[in-house]
């Protein structure tokens, strides 16, 4: 839960569960890593919104999908979830373990911006 206390509830999604949601077309991923990190490898279809400039009110429309945040290891996405809660933006789920867990599960990444 990364020290967010009881300010908000955080749902942690395992990599294979996120992959299944993406395959089913029911998830939209927002990657909060910096652009250079994002370019080295990200989840197919992910939108880059770096935490350094993160504004919960500017999140893309998920068009009925579940919006999932991710980062390198889970800390920054948890911070972004806290910002969403503070702004009363209904986003409460992130990729448990971030891209590191995604890679460890041998799931596909794309490179470039």
N, C-alpha and C. Protein backbone atom coordinates (compact mmCIF):
# COMPACT_ATOMS: atom_id res chain seq x y z
N UNK A 1 0.81 -1.20 0.00
CA UNK A 1 0.00 0.00 0.00
C UNK A 1 0.85 1.26 0.00
N UNK A 2 2.15 1.14 0.17
CA UNK A 2 3.10 2.23 0.01
C UNK A 2 2.82 3.44 0.89
N UNK A 3 2.38 3.23 2.11
CA UNK A 3 2.26 4.31 3.06
C UNK A 3 1.15 5.31 2.78
N UNK A 4 0.16 4.94 2.00
CA UNK A 4 -0.92 5.88 1.75
C UNK A 4 -1.96 5.85 2.87
N UNK A 5 -1.74 4.98 3.84
CA UNK A 5 -2.64 4.94 4.98
C UNK A 5 -4.06 4.66 4.57
N UNK A 6 -4.99 5.29 5.25
CA UNK A 6 -6.40 5.04 4.94
C UNK A 6 -7.00 6.15 4.08
N UNK A 7 -6.17 6.96 3.45
CA UNK A 7 -6.67 8.04 2.60
C UNK A 7 -7.48 7.49 1.43
N UNK A 8 -7.05 6.37 0.90
CA UNK A 8 -7.75 5.80 -0.24
C UNK A 8 -7.48 4.31 -0.30
N UNK A 9 -8.35 3.63 -0.99
CA UNK A 9 -8.16 2.21 -1.19
C UNK A 9 -7.40 2.03 -2.50
N UNK A 10 -6.39 1.18 -2.47
CA UNK A 10 -5.60 0.90 -3.66
C UNK A 10 -5.80 -0.54 -4.07
N UNK A 11 -6.17 -0.72 -5.32
CA UNK A 11 -6.27 -2.07 -5.88
C UNK A 11 -4.99 -2.35 -6.63
N UNK A 12 -4.36 -3.47 -6.30
CA UNK A 12 -3.12 -3.87 -6.95
C UNK A 12 -3.42 -5.02 -7.90
N UNK A 13 -3.10 -4.83 -9.15
CA UNK A 13 -3.38 -5.80 -10.19
C UNK A 13 -2.09 -6.52 -10.56
N UNK A 14 -2.14 -7.83 -10.58
CA UNK A 14 -0.99 -8.64 -10.97
C UNK A 14 -0.79 -8.55 -12.49
N UNK A 15 0.46 -8.70 -12.97
CA UNK A 15 0.74 -8.56 -14.40
C UNK A 15 -0.13 -9.43 -15.30
N UNK A 16 -0.30 -10.69 -15.00
CA UNK A 16 -1.08 -11.56 -15.88
C UNK A 16 -2.57 -11.18 -15.89
N UNK A 17 -3.06 -10.66 -14.79
CA UNK A 17 -4.45 -10.18 -14.75
C UNK A 17 -4.61 -8.95 -15.63
N UNK A 18 -3.61 -8.04 -15.59
CA UNK A 18 -3.65 -6.88 -16.47
C UNK A 18 -3.56 -7.31 -17.93
N UNK A 19 -2.70 -8.25 -18.24
CA UNK A 19 -2.57 -8.74 -19.62
C UNK A 19 -3.91 -9.28 -20.11
N UNK A 20 -4.60 -10.04 -19.27
CA UNK A 20 -5.91 -10.59 -19.65
C UNK A 20 -6.91 -9.47 -19.90
N UNK A 21 -6.88 -8.42 -19.07
CA UNK A 21 -7.78 -7.28 -19.27
C UNK A 21 -7.45 -6.56 -20.57
N UNK A 22 -6.18 -6.38 -20.86
CA UNK A 22 -5.79 -5.73 -22.10
C UNK A 22 -6.22 -6.55 -23.30
N UNK A 23 -6.03 -7.86 -23.22
CA UNK A 23 -6.44 -8.74 -24.31
C UNK A 23 -7.95 -8.68 -24.54
N UNK A 24 -8.68 -8.49 -23.46
CA UNK A 24 -10.15 -8.41 -23.55
C UNK A 24 -10.63 -7.00 -23.91
N UNK A 25 -9.70 -6.05 -23.94
CA UNK A 25 -10.08 -4.68 -24.27
C UNK A 25 -10.78 -3.96 -23.15
N UNK A 26 -10.51 -4.36 -21.90
CA UNK A 26 -11.22 -3.75 -20.77
C UNK A 26 -10.34 -2.86 -19.89
N UNK A 27 -9.09 -2.60 -20.32
CA UNK A 27 -8.19 -1.77 -19.52
C UNK A 27 -7.48 -0.75 -20.40
N UNK A 28 -7.16 0.39 -19.78
CA UNK A 28 -6.32 1.42 -20.39
C UNK A 28 -5.20 1.69 -19.40
N UNK A 29 -3.95 1.59 -19.85
CA UNK A 29 -2.79 1.78 -18.98
C UNK A 29 -2.24 3.19 -19.13
N UNK A 30 -2.00 3.84 -17.98
CA UNK A 30 -1.32 5.13 -17.94
C UNK A 30 -0.02 4.90 -17.18
N UNK A 31 1.09 5.13 -17.88
CA UNK A 31 2.44 4.92 -17.35
C UNK A 31 2.95 6.24 -16.82
N UNK A 32 3.29 6.30 -15.52
CA UNK A 32 3.71 7.55 -14.90
C UNK A 32 5.23 7.71 -14.82
N UNK A 33 5.96 6.84 -15.54
CA UNK A 33 7.42 7.00 -15.60
C UNK A 33 7.76 8.18 -16.51
N UNK A 34 8.99 8.64 -16.41
CA UNK A 34 9.46 9.74 -17.25
C UNK A 34 9.60 9.26 -18.70
N UNK A 35 9.53 10.18 -19.67
CA UNK A 35 9.55 9.80 -21.08
C UNK A 35 10.72 8.90 -21.49
N UNK A 36 11.91 9.15 -20.98
CA UNK A 36 13.06 8.32 -21.34
C UNK A 36 12.88 6.88 -20.85
N UNK A 37 12.30 6.72 -19.66
CA UNK A 37 12.02 5.38 -19.14
C UNK A 37 10.95 4.69 -19.99
N UNK A 38 9.91 5.43 -20.30
CA UNK A 38 8.81 4.93 -21.10
C UNK A 38 9.33 4.42 -22.45
N UNK A 39 10.23 5.18 -23.06
CA UNK A 39 10.76 4.82 -24.38
C UNK A 39 11.57 3.52 -24.36
N UNK A 40 12.14 3.16 -23.20
CA UNK A 40 12.95 1.94 -23.13
C UNK A 40 12.09 0.68 -23.13
N UNK A 41 10.82 0.81 -22.87
CA UNK A 41 9.91 -0.32 -22.89
C UNK A 41 8.65 -0.04 -22.08
N UNK A 42 7.51 -0.19 -22.75
CA UNK A 42 6.24 0.05 -22.07
C UNK A 42 5.20 -0.94 -22.57
N UNK A 43 4.10 -1.01 -21.87
CA UNK A 43 3.00 -1.90 -22.22
C UNK A 43 2.31 -1.36 -23.47
N UNK A 44 2.00 -2.26 -24.37
CA UNK A 44 1.35 -1.88 -25.63
C UNK A 44 0.09 -1.06 -25.34
N UNK A 45 -0.02 0.09 -25.99
CA UNK A 45 -1.18 0.95 -25.84
C UNK A 45 -1.14 1.89 -24.65
N UNK A 46 -0.08 1.80 -23.84
CA UNK A 46 0.01 2.66 -22.66
C UNK A 46 0.17 4.12 -23.06
N UNK A 47 -0.40 5.00 -22.24
CA UNK A 47 -0.29 6.45 -22.40
C UNK A 47 0.73 6.93 -21.37
N UNK A 48 1.67 7.77 -21.78
CA UNK A 48 2.69 8.27 -20.86
C UNK A 48 2.26 9.61 -20.26
N UNK A 49 2.14 9.63 -18.93
CA UNK A 49 1.85 10.85 -18.17
C UNK A 49 2.80 10.88 -16.98
N UNK A 50 4.01 11.41 -17.16
CA UNK A 50 5.03 11.37 -16.11
C UNK A 50 4.56 11.95 -14.77
N UNK A 51 4.95 11.29 -13.69
CA UNK A 51 4.56 11.75 -12.36
C UNK A 51 5.03 13.18 -12.10
N UNK A 52 6.17 13.57 -12.68
CA UNK A 52 6.70 14.92 -12.47
C UNK A 52 5.75 16.00 -12.98
N UNK A 53 4.84 15.63 -13.88
CA UNK A 53 3.86 16.58 -14.41
C UNK A 53 2.44 16.04 -14.29
N UNK A 54 2.25 15.06 -13.44
CA UNK A 54 0.98 14.34 -13.36
C UNK A 54 -0.14 15.24 -12.84
N UNK A 55 -1.24 15.24 -13.57
CA UNK A 55 -2.44 15.98 -13.17
C UNK A 55 -3.62 15.01 -13.32
N UNK A 56 -4.17 14.53 -12.20
CA UNK A 56 -5.27 13.57 -12.27
C UNK A 56 -6.46 14.04 -13.10
N UNK A 57 -6.67 15.35 -13.15
CA UNK A 57 -7.81 15.86 -13.91
C UNK A 57 -7.56 15.83 -15.41
N UNK A 58 -6.33 15.51 -15.82
CA UNK A 58 -5.99 15.43 -17.25
C UNK A 58 -5.86 14.00 -17.76
N UNK A 59 -6.27 13.04 -16.94
CA UNK A 59 -6.19 11.65 -17.38
C UNK A 59 -7.06 11.44 -18.62
N UNK A 60 -6.62 10.57 -19.51
CA UNK A 60 -7.43 10.33 -20.71
C UNK A 60 -8.75 9.64 -20.37
N UNK A 61 -9.71 9.82 -21.23
CA UNK A 61 -10.98 9.12 -21.07
C UNK A 61 -10.74 7.63 -21.30
N UNK A 62 -11.22 6.82 -20.39
CA UNK A 62 -11.02 5.38 -20.50
C UNK A 62 -12.12 4.72 -21.33
N UNK A 63 -13.12 5.47 -21.73
CA UNK A 63 -14.20 4.96 -22.58
C UNK A 63 -14.76 3.62 -22.08
N UNK A 64 -15.10 3.58 -20.80
CA UNK A 64 -15.70 2.38 -20.22
C UNK A 64 -14.71 1.33 -19.76
N UNK A 65 -13.42 1.57 -19.99
CA UNK A 65 -12.39 0.63 -19.55
C UNK A 65 -11.92 1.01 -18.15
N UNK A 66 -11.24 0.08 -17.49
CA UNK A 66 -10.64 0.37 -16.20
C UNK A 66 -9.29 1.04 -16.45
N UNK A 67 -9.07 2.19 -15.84
CA UNK A 67 -7.81 2.88 -15.99
C UNK A 67 -6.83 2.34 -14.96
N UNK A 68 -5.68 1.87 -15.43
CA UNK A 68 -4.66 1.25 -14.58
C UNK A 68 -3.39 2.08 -14.67
N UNK A 69 -2.84 2.49 -13.54
CA UNK A 69 -1.57 3.21 -13.53
C UNK A 69 -0.42 2.23 -13.36
N UNK A 70 0.74 2.58 -13.94
CA UNK A 70 1.93 1.78 -13.71
C UNK A 70 3.17 2.65 -13.75
N UNK A 71 4.25 2.12 -13.18
CA UNK A 71 5.54 2.80 -13.18
C UNK A 71 6.62 1.72 -13.21
N UNK A 72 7.79 2.01 -12.70
CA UNK A 72 8.88 1.03 -12.73
C UNK A 72 8.67 -0.10 -11.73
N UNK A 73 8.28 0.24 -10.49
CA UNK A 73 8.15 -0.78 -9.46
C UNK A 73 6.90 -0.69 -8.60
N UNK A 74 6.11 0.35 -8.77
CA UNK A 74 4.86 0.47 -8.03
C UNK A 74 4.78 1.67 -7.11
N UNK A 75 5.91 2.26 -6.78
CA UNK A 75 5.90 3.38 -5.84
C UNK A 75 5.30 4.65 -6.46
N UNK A 76 5.77 5.01 -7.65
CA UNK A 76 5.26 6.24 -8.28
C UNK A 76 3.79 6.11 -8.67
N UNK A 77 3.40 4.92 -9.12
CA UNK A 77 1.98 4.76 -9.48
C UNK A 77 1.10 4.85 -8.23
N UNK A 78 1.60 4.36 -7.10
CA UNK A 78 0.86 4.50 -5.84
C UNK A 78 0.75 5.97 -5.44
N UNK A 79 1.82 6.72 -5.65
CA UNK A 79 1.79 8.17 -5.38
C UNK A 79 0.76 8.85 -6.27
N UNK A 80 0.75 8.48 -7.56
CA UNK A 80 -0.23 9.04 -8.49
C UNK A 80 -1.66 8.68 -8.07
N UNK A 81 -1.85 7.46 -7.57
CA UNK A 81 -3.18 7.07 -7.07
C UNK A 81 -3.59 7.96 -5.90
N UNK A 82 -2.64 8.29 -5.05
CA UNK A 82 -2.93 9.21 -3.94
C UNK A 82 -3.34 10.58 -4.45
N UNK A 83 -2.70 11.03 -5.52
CA UNK A 83 -3.08 12.31 -6.12
C UNK A 83 -4.48 12.23 -6.72
N UNK A 84 -4.80 11.08 -7.31
CA UNK A 84 -6.15 10.89 -7.86
C UNK A 84 -7.19 10.97 -6.75
N UNK A 85 -6.90 10.30 -5.63
CA UNK A 85 -7.84 10.31 -4.50
C UNK A 85 -8.02 11.73 -3.97
N UNK A 86 -6.93 12.47 -3.85
CA UNK A 86 -7.00 13.85 -3.34
C UNK A 86 -7.81 14.74 -4.27
N UNK A 87 -7.72 14.47 -5.57
CA UNK A 87 -8.46 15.26 -6.56
C UNK A 87 -9.86 14.70 -6.80
N UNK A 88 -10.20 13.63 -6.08
CA UNK A 88 -11.51 12.97 -6.22
C UNK A 88 -11.75 12.44 -7.63
N UNK A 89 -10.65 11.94 -8.23
CA UNK A 89 -10.72 11.29 -9.54
C UNK A 89 -10.80 9.79 -9.27
N UNK A 90 -11.78 9.14 -9.85
CA UNK A 90 -12.08 7.74 -9.55
C UNK A 90 -11.13 6.77 -10.25
N UNK A 91 -9.86 6.81 -9.86
CA UNK A 91 -8.86 5.85 -10.33
C UNK A 91 -8.23 5.26 -9.08
N UNK A 92 -8.28 3.93 -8.95
CA UNK A 92 -7.80 3.31 -7.71
C UNK A 92 -6.96 2.06 -7.93
N UNK A 93 -6.50 1.81 -9.17
CA UNK A 93 -5.82 0.56 -9.47
C UNK A 93 -4.48 0.81 -10.14
N UNK A 94 -3.47 0.04 -9.70
CA UNK A 94 -2.18 0.10 -10.37
C UNK A 94 -1.59 -1.30 -10.51
N UNK A 95 -0.59 -1.38 -11.39
CA UNK A 95 0.10 -2.64 -11.64
C UNK A 95 1.03 -2.94 -10.49
N UNK A 96 0.76 -4.01 -9.77
CA UNK A 96 1.58 -4.42 -8.63
C UNK A 96 2.99 -4.77 -9.12
N UNK A 97 3.98 -4.07 -8.62
CA UNK A 97 5.36 -4.33 -9.01
C UNK A 97 5.80 -3.64 -10.28
N UNK A 98 4.88 -2.92 -10.93
CA UNK A 98 5.22 -2.11 -12.10
C UNK A 98 5.80 -2.90 -13.26
N UNK A 99 6.54 -2.18 -14.10
CA UNK A 99 7.15 -2.78 -15.28
C UNK A 99 8.12 -3.89 -14.89
N UNK A 100 8.75 -3.77 -13.74
CA UNK A 100 9.66 -4.83 -13.30
C UNK A 100 8.91 -6.15 -13.17
N UNK A 101 7.72 -6.13 -12.58
CA UNK A 101 6.92 -7.35 -12.44
C UNK A 101 6.41 -7.83 -13.80
N UNK A 102 6.05 -6.88 -14.67
CA UNK A 102 5.60 -7.21 -16.01
C UNK A 102 6.70 -7.97 -16.76
N UNK A 103 7.94 -7.43 -16.68
CA UNK A 103 9.08 -8.08 -17.33
C UNK A 103 9.36 -9.46 -16.72
N UNK A 104 9.29 -9.54 -15.40
CA UNK A 104 9.54 -10.81 -14.71
C UNK A 104 8.53 -11.87 -15.12
N UNK A 105 7.33 -11.47 -15.52
CA UNK A 105 6.30 -12.40 -15.98
C UNK A 105 6.46 -12.71 -17.48
N UNK A 106 7.53 -12.17 -18.09
CA UNK A 106 7.82 -12.38 -19.51
C UNK A 106 6.70 -11.92 -20.42
N UNK A 107 6.11 -10.77 -20.08
CA UNK A 107 5.05 -10.20 -20.88
C UNK A 107 5.63 -9.17 -21.85
N UNK A 108 4.98 -8.93 -22.98
CA UNK A 108 5.56 -8.10 -24.03
C UNK A 108 5.61 -6.61 -23.72
N UNK A 109 6.68 -6.00 -24.19
CA UNK A 109 6.86 -4.55 -24.11
C UNK A 109 7.14 -4.02 -25.51
N UNK A 110 6.82 -2.77 -25.72
CA UNK A 110 7.19 -2.10 -26.96
C UNK A 110 8.17 -0.98 -26.59
N UNK A 111 9.05 -0.62 -27.52
CA UNK A 111 10.00 0.44 -27.27
C UNK A 111 9.69 1.64 -28.14
N UNK A 112 10.24 2.77 -27.75
CA UNK A 112 9.99 4.01 -28.46
C UNK A 112 8.92 4.82 -27.77
N UNK A 113 8.74 6.04 -28.21
CA UNK A 113 7.77 6.92 -27.56
C UNK A 113 6.41 6.72 -28.03
